[in-house]
Protein backbone atom coordinates (compact mmCIF):
# COMPACT_ATOMS: atom_id res chain seq x y z
CA MET A 1 -63.15 -104.29 -0.94
CA ILE A 2 -64.58 -101.85 1.60
CA SER A 3 -67.61 -99.85 0.52
CA LEU A 4 -67.87 -96.39 2.01
CA GLN A 5 -71.15 -94.48 2.13
CA VAL A 6 -70.73 -90.72 1.83
CA TYR A 7 -73.08 -88.38 3.70
CA TYR A 8 -73.44 -84.85 2.43
CA VAL A 9 -74.14 -81.90 4.70
CA ILE A 10 -76.94 -79.64 3.51
CA SER A 11 -75.24 -76.61 1.99
CA GLY A 12 -78.23 -74.92 0.38
CA VAL A 13 -81.93 -74.33 0.92
CA LEU A 14 -84.52 -73.50 -1.74
CA PHE A 15 -87.59 -71.81 -0.28
CA ASP A 16 -91.05 -71.55 -1.73
CA LEU A 17 -92.55 -68.10 -1.12
CA ASP A 18 -96.34 -68.08 -0.66
CA GLY A 19 -97.43 -70.04 2.39
CA THR A 20 -93.81 -70.79 3.29
CA LEU A 21 -92.10 -67.46 3.93
CA LEU A 22 -95.07 -65.20 3.20
CA ASP A 23 -98.28 -65.62 5.21
CA CYS A 24 -100.80 -64.90 2.44
CA ILE A 25 -102.77 -68.07 1.64
CA MET A 26 -104.80 -68.29 4.86
CA PRO A 27 -105.54 -64.52 4.96
CA MET A 28 -106.82 -64.68 1.38
CA GLN A 29 -109.03 -67.62 2.26
CA GLU A 30 -110.42 -65.90 5.35
CA ALA A 31 -111.11 -62.65 3.48
CA PHE A 32 -113.11 -64.49 0.81
CA VAL A 33 -115.02 -66.60 3.34
CA LYS A 34 -115.88 -63.54 5.43
CA VAL A 35 -117.43 -61.78 2.45
CA VAL A 36 -119.38 -64.85 1.33
CA GLU A 37 -120.71 -65.59 4.81
CA SER A 38 -121.79 -61.95 5.19
CA MET A 39 -124.09 -62.66 2.24
CA GLY A 40 -125.84 -65.41 4.13
CA VAL A 41 -123.98 -68.45 2.80
CA THR A 42 -122.48 -70.94 5.23
CA ILE A 43 -119.28 -72.55 4.01
CA THR A 44 -118.37 -76.05 5.15
CA GLU A 45 -114.83 -76.98 6.21
CA GLU A 46 -114.33 -78.90 2.96
CA GLU A 47 -115.54 -75.92 0.92
CA ARG A 48 -113.33 -73.58 2.96
CA ARG A 49 -110.31 -75.71 2.21
CA ASN A 50 -111.13 -75.90 -1.50
CA VAL A 51 -111.60 -72.14 -1.55
CA GLY A 52 -108.12 -71.62 -0.13
CA GLU A 53 -106.59 -74.07 -2.59
CA ASN A 54 -108.27 -72.38 -5.53
CA LEU A 55 -107.53 -68.83 -4.40
CA SER A 56 -103.85 -69.69 -4.36
CA LYS A 57 -104.11 -70.12 -8.13
CA ILE A 58 -104.55 -66.36 -8.45
CA LEU A 59 -100.95 -66.10 -7.23
CA ILE A 60 -99.44 -68.57 -9.66
CA THR A 61 -101.00 -67.88 -13.04
CA ARG A 62 -100.40 -65.26 -15.69
CA SER A 63 -104.14 -64.56 -15.78
CA SER A 64 -105.59 -61.26 -16.95
CA PRO A 65 -107.95 -59.30 -14.66
CA LEU A 66 -110.86 -60.59 -16.75
CA ALA A 67 -109.72 -64.19 -16.26
CA ASN A 68 -109.41 -63.65 -12.50
CA ILE A 69 -112.90 -62.14 -12.34
CA SER A 70 -114.24 -65.14 -14.27
CA PHE A 71 -112.42 -67.40 -11.82
CA LEU A 72 -114.03 -65.64 -8.83
CA TRP A 73 -117.43 -65.96 -10.54
CA ARG A 74 -116.98 -69.75 -10.76
CA LEU A 75 -115.77 -69.89 -7.17
CA GLY A 76 -118.85 -67.96 -6.06
CA LYS A 77 -121.02 -70.45 -7.91
CA TYR A 78 -119.19 -73.31 -6.19
CA VAL A 79 -120.01 -71.99 -2.71
CA GLY A 80 -123.65 -71.43 -3.62
CA LEU A 81 -123.94 -67.70 -4.27
CA PRO A 82 -126.74 -66.71 -6.68
CA PRO A 83 -125.66 -64.66 -9.72
CA HIS A 84 -126.52 -61.20 -8.34
CA LYS A 85 -124.60 -61.91 -5.13
CA ARG A 86 -121.63 -63.20 -7.11
CA VAL A 87 -121.32 -59.80 -8.76
CA HIS A 88 -121.34 -58.12 -5.36
CA MET A 89 -118.81 -60.63 -4.02
CA ILE A 90 -116.41 -59.92 -6.89
CA VAL A 91 -116.67 -56.16 -6.29
CA LEU A 92 -115.85 -56.68 -2.61
CA THR A 93 -113.08 -59.24 -2.95
CA TYR A 94 -111.13 -58.76 -6.18
CA TYR A 95 -108.84 -55.91 -5.19
CA ARG A 96 -108.82 -57.02 -1.57
CA LEU A 97 -107.39 -60.41 -2.52
CA LYS A 98 -104.78 -58.82 -4.77
CA TYR A 99 -103.79 -56.47 -1.95
CA ILE A 100 -103.45 -59.33 0.53
CA ALA A 101 -101.38 -61.33 -1.95
CA ASN A 102 -98.84 -58.54 -2.32
CA ASN A 103 -98.91 -56.98 1.14
CA SER A 104 -99.10 -59.88 3.61
CA ASN A 105 -96.54 -60.27 6.37
CA LEU A 106 -93.74 -62.77 6.61
CA PHE A 107 -94.37 -65.64 8.99
CA ASN A 108 -93.02 -65.04 12.46
CA GLY A 109 -89.37 -65.99 12.68
CA VAL A 110 -88.51 -65.79 8.97
CA PRO A 111 -85.82 -63.08 9.28
CA GLU A 112 -84.22 -64.94 12.18
CA VAL A 113 -84.20 -68.21 10.21
CA LEU A 114 -82.60 -66.54 7.20
CA GLU A 115 -79.97 -64.89 9.40
CA ALA A 116 -79.19 -68.16 11.18
CA LEU A 117 -78.75 -70.03 7.92
CA ARG A 118 -76.55 -67.33 6.43
CA ASN A 119 -74.38 -67.37 9.56
CA ARG A 120 -73.92 -71.12 9.02
CA GLY A 121 -72.78 -70.51 5.46
CA VAL A 122 -75.91 -72.00 3.90
CA LYS A 123 -76.70 -70.69 0.42
CA MET A 124 -80.35 -69.80 -0.16
CA ALA A 125 -82.74 -69.21 -3.04
CA ILE A 126 -86.43 -68.53 -3.53
CA VAL A 127 -88.28 -70.62 -6.10
CA THR A 128 -91.77 -69.27 -6.68
CA THR A 129 -94.58 -69.31 -9.21
CA ARG A 130 -95.03 -65.56 -8.71
CA SER A 131 -94.00 -63.08 -11.40
CA ARG A 132 -90.54 -61.53 -11.04
CA LYS A 133 -92.10 -58.11 -10.48
CA GLU A 134 -94.17 -59.39 -7.55
CA LEU A 135 -91.25 -61.37 -6.14
CA LEU A 136 -88.89 -58.38 -6.14
CA HIS A 137 -91.60 -56.18 -4.60
CA ILE A 138 -92.00 -58.57 -1.68
CA LEU A 139 -88.27 -59.06 -1.12
CA LYS A 140 -87.65 -55.31 -1.08
CA MET A 141 -90.67 -54.64 1.13
CA PHE A 142 -89.13 -56.77 3.88
CA SER A 143 -85.47 -55.97 3.02
CA ILE A 144 -84.57 -59.67 2.73
CA GLU A 145 -83.24 -59.74 -0.83
CA SER A 146 -79.62 -59.88 0.36
CA TYR A 147 -80.14 -63.33 1.89
CA PHE A 148 -80.73 -65.02 -1.46
CA GLY A 149 -78.07 -65.94 -3.96
CA ALA A 150 -80.75 -66.82 -6.49
CA THR A 151 -84.39 -65.91 -7.06
CA VAL A 152 -86.44 -67.86 -9.58
CA SER A 153 -89.88 -66.70 -10.69
CA ARG A 154 -92.33 -68.05 -13.25
CA ASP A 155 -90.83 -65.58 -15.73
CA ASP A 156 -87.43 -67.28 -15.58
CA VAL A 157 -88.35 -70.82 -16.67
CA LYS A 158 -90.71 -72.42 -19.16
CA ASN A 159 -92.08 -75.01 -16.74
CA GLY A 160 -92.96 -74.22 -13.14
CA LYS A 161 -93.26 -76.57 -10.16
CA PRO A 162 -93.80 -79.55 -9.97
CA SER A 163 -91.30 -79.57 -12.84
CA PRO A 164 -87.71 -79.63 -11.55
CA ASP A 165 -86.73 -76.85 -13.98
CA PRO A 166 -86.97 -73.88 -11.58
CA LEU A 167 -85.08 -75.76 -8.87
CA LEU A 168 -82.33 -76.83 -11.25
CA PHE A 169 -82.09 -73.23 -12.47
CA ALA A 170 -81.64 -72.05 -8.88
CA LEU A 171 -79.05 -74.73 -8.15
CA LYS A 172 -77.02 -73.69 -11.17
CA GLN A 173 -76.98 -70.09 -9.95
CA LEU A 174 -75.96 -71.17 -6.45
CA GLY A 175 -73.33 -73.59 -7.67
CA LEU A 176 -74.77 -76.48 -5.66
CA ARG A 177 -75.58 -80.15 -6.29
CA PRO A 178 -79.12 -81.41 -5.71
CA ASP A 179 -77.94 -83.91 -3.08
CA GLU A 180 -76.56 -81.15 -0.86
CA THR A 181 -79.69 -79.01 -1.08
CA ALA A 182 -83.14 -79.03 0.55
CA MET A 183 -86.40 -77.75 -0.92
CA VAL A 184 -88.75 -76.28 1.70
CA GLY A 185 -92.42 -75.69 0.85
CA ASP A 186 -96.01 -75.93 1.98
CA MET A 187 -97.53 -77.53 -1.13
CA PRO A 188 -97.24 -80.98 -2.71
CA THR A 189 -95.88 -79.37 -5.87
CA ASP A 190 -92.86 -78.15 -3.86
CA ILE A 191 -92.11 -81.68 -2.68
CA GLU A 192 -92.68 -83.20 -6.11
CA ALA A 193 -90.39 -80.64 -7.72
CA GLY A 194 -87.70 -81.37 -5.13
CA LYS A 195 -87.91 -85.10 -5.73
CA HIS A 196 -87.75 -84.64 -9.50
CA ALA A 197 -84.70 -82.40 -9.09
CA GLY A 198 -82.98 -84.80 -6.69
CA THR A 199 -82.94 -82.52 -3.64
CA LYS A 200 -83.94 -83.33 -0.09
CA THR A 201 -87.46 -82.15 0.72
CA VAL A 202 -89.04 -80.53 3.78
CA GLY A 203 -92.81 -80.18 4.04
CA LEU A 204 -94.12 -77.21 6.02
CA LEU A 205 -97.38 -78.22 7.71
CA ASN A 206 -98.66 -74.75 8.57
CA GLY A 207 -101.33 -74.30 5.93
CA ILE A 208 -104.32 -75.86 4.21
CA PHE A 209 -102.47 -78.58 2.29
CA LYS A 210 -101.36 -80.77 5.22
CA LYS A 211 -102.98 -84.00 4.05
CA GLU A 212 -101.72 -83.73 0.47
CA LEU A 213 -98.32 -82.60 1.67
CA MET A 214 -97.84 -85.67 3.83
CA ALA A 215 -99.08 -87.88 0.99
CA SER A 216 -96.27 -86.51 -1.17
CA ASN A 217 -93.83 -88.12 1.32
CA PRO A 218 -91.28 -85.39 2.07
CA ASP A 219 -87.97 -86.39 3.64
CA ALA A 220 -88.95 -84.38 6.72
CA SER A 221 -91.95 -82.39 7.90
CA ILE A 222 -92.11 -79.42 10.25
CA ASN A 223 -94.90 -77.35 11.77
CA SER A 224 -93.19 -73.96 11.63
CA ILE A 225 -90.60 -72.22 9.49
CA VAL A 226 -88.50 -71.65 12.62
CA GLU A 227 -87.73 -75.39 12.65
CA VAL A 228 -85.79 -75.26 9.38
CA PRO A 229 -82.27 -74.76 10.80
CA ALA A 230 -82.70 -77.72 13.15
CA VAL A 231 -84.29 -80.10 10.66
CA LEU A 232 -81.45 -79.69 8.17
CA SER A 233 -79.22 -81.68 10.51
CA PHE A 234 -81.46 -84.75 10.08
CA LEU A 235 -81.59 -84.80 6.28
């Protein structure tokens, strides 16, 4: 009896938003660091990286303003700011960070990538831990909502990434199987969610999570979002 191995062409791509399509993580990190260093505190590379990782949590939680202020207070303590300077830091950074989170630019090449994939007949979705309100604001701001057959926010599922639930929800809307779909993201949780859902995974090494991302063992890794159309051929 002859055994035949079937290879599936990638027919769909699930994109993370923050740090993948939207260039907001690094700008938030730099804005915070700039304020702290203006207060006379020198931040090490390890602290800088931890700051960026923690600031990203502001984007993915349902926290109240009070909870976010408390979070910034603890982050100020972590980097060595005395209490009176922490208050000043919060005044200077709170609304600035929120503004950056919701008004950052797309990474260079994103519209071209989306257009190229659509021209190839690839179905696309966004799977994000943002709220639906924030997600729709960003999509409309850049007029890219028409590219996506599904958009999944934290408001649409009980469990967010690294649970497979949001990816499986997107796949159902797109009418695709996991084995013909790739998850593209810049964080280990994106890769873990893809593996749990049974999709192919592509790690985007353009941010602050490179080491952890590679440790999560994606099926492929790229340095720029513009490499997505090409890398799909190797999955």
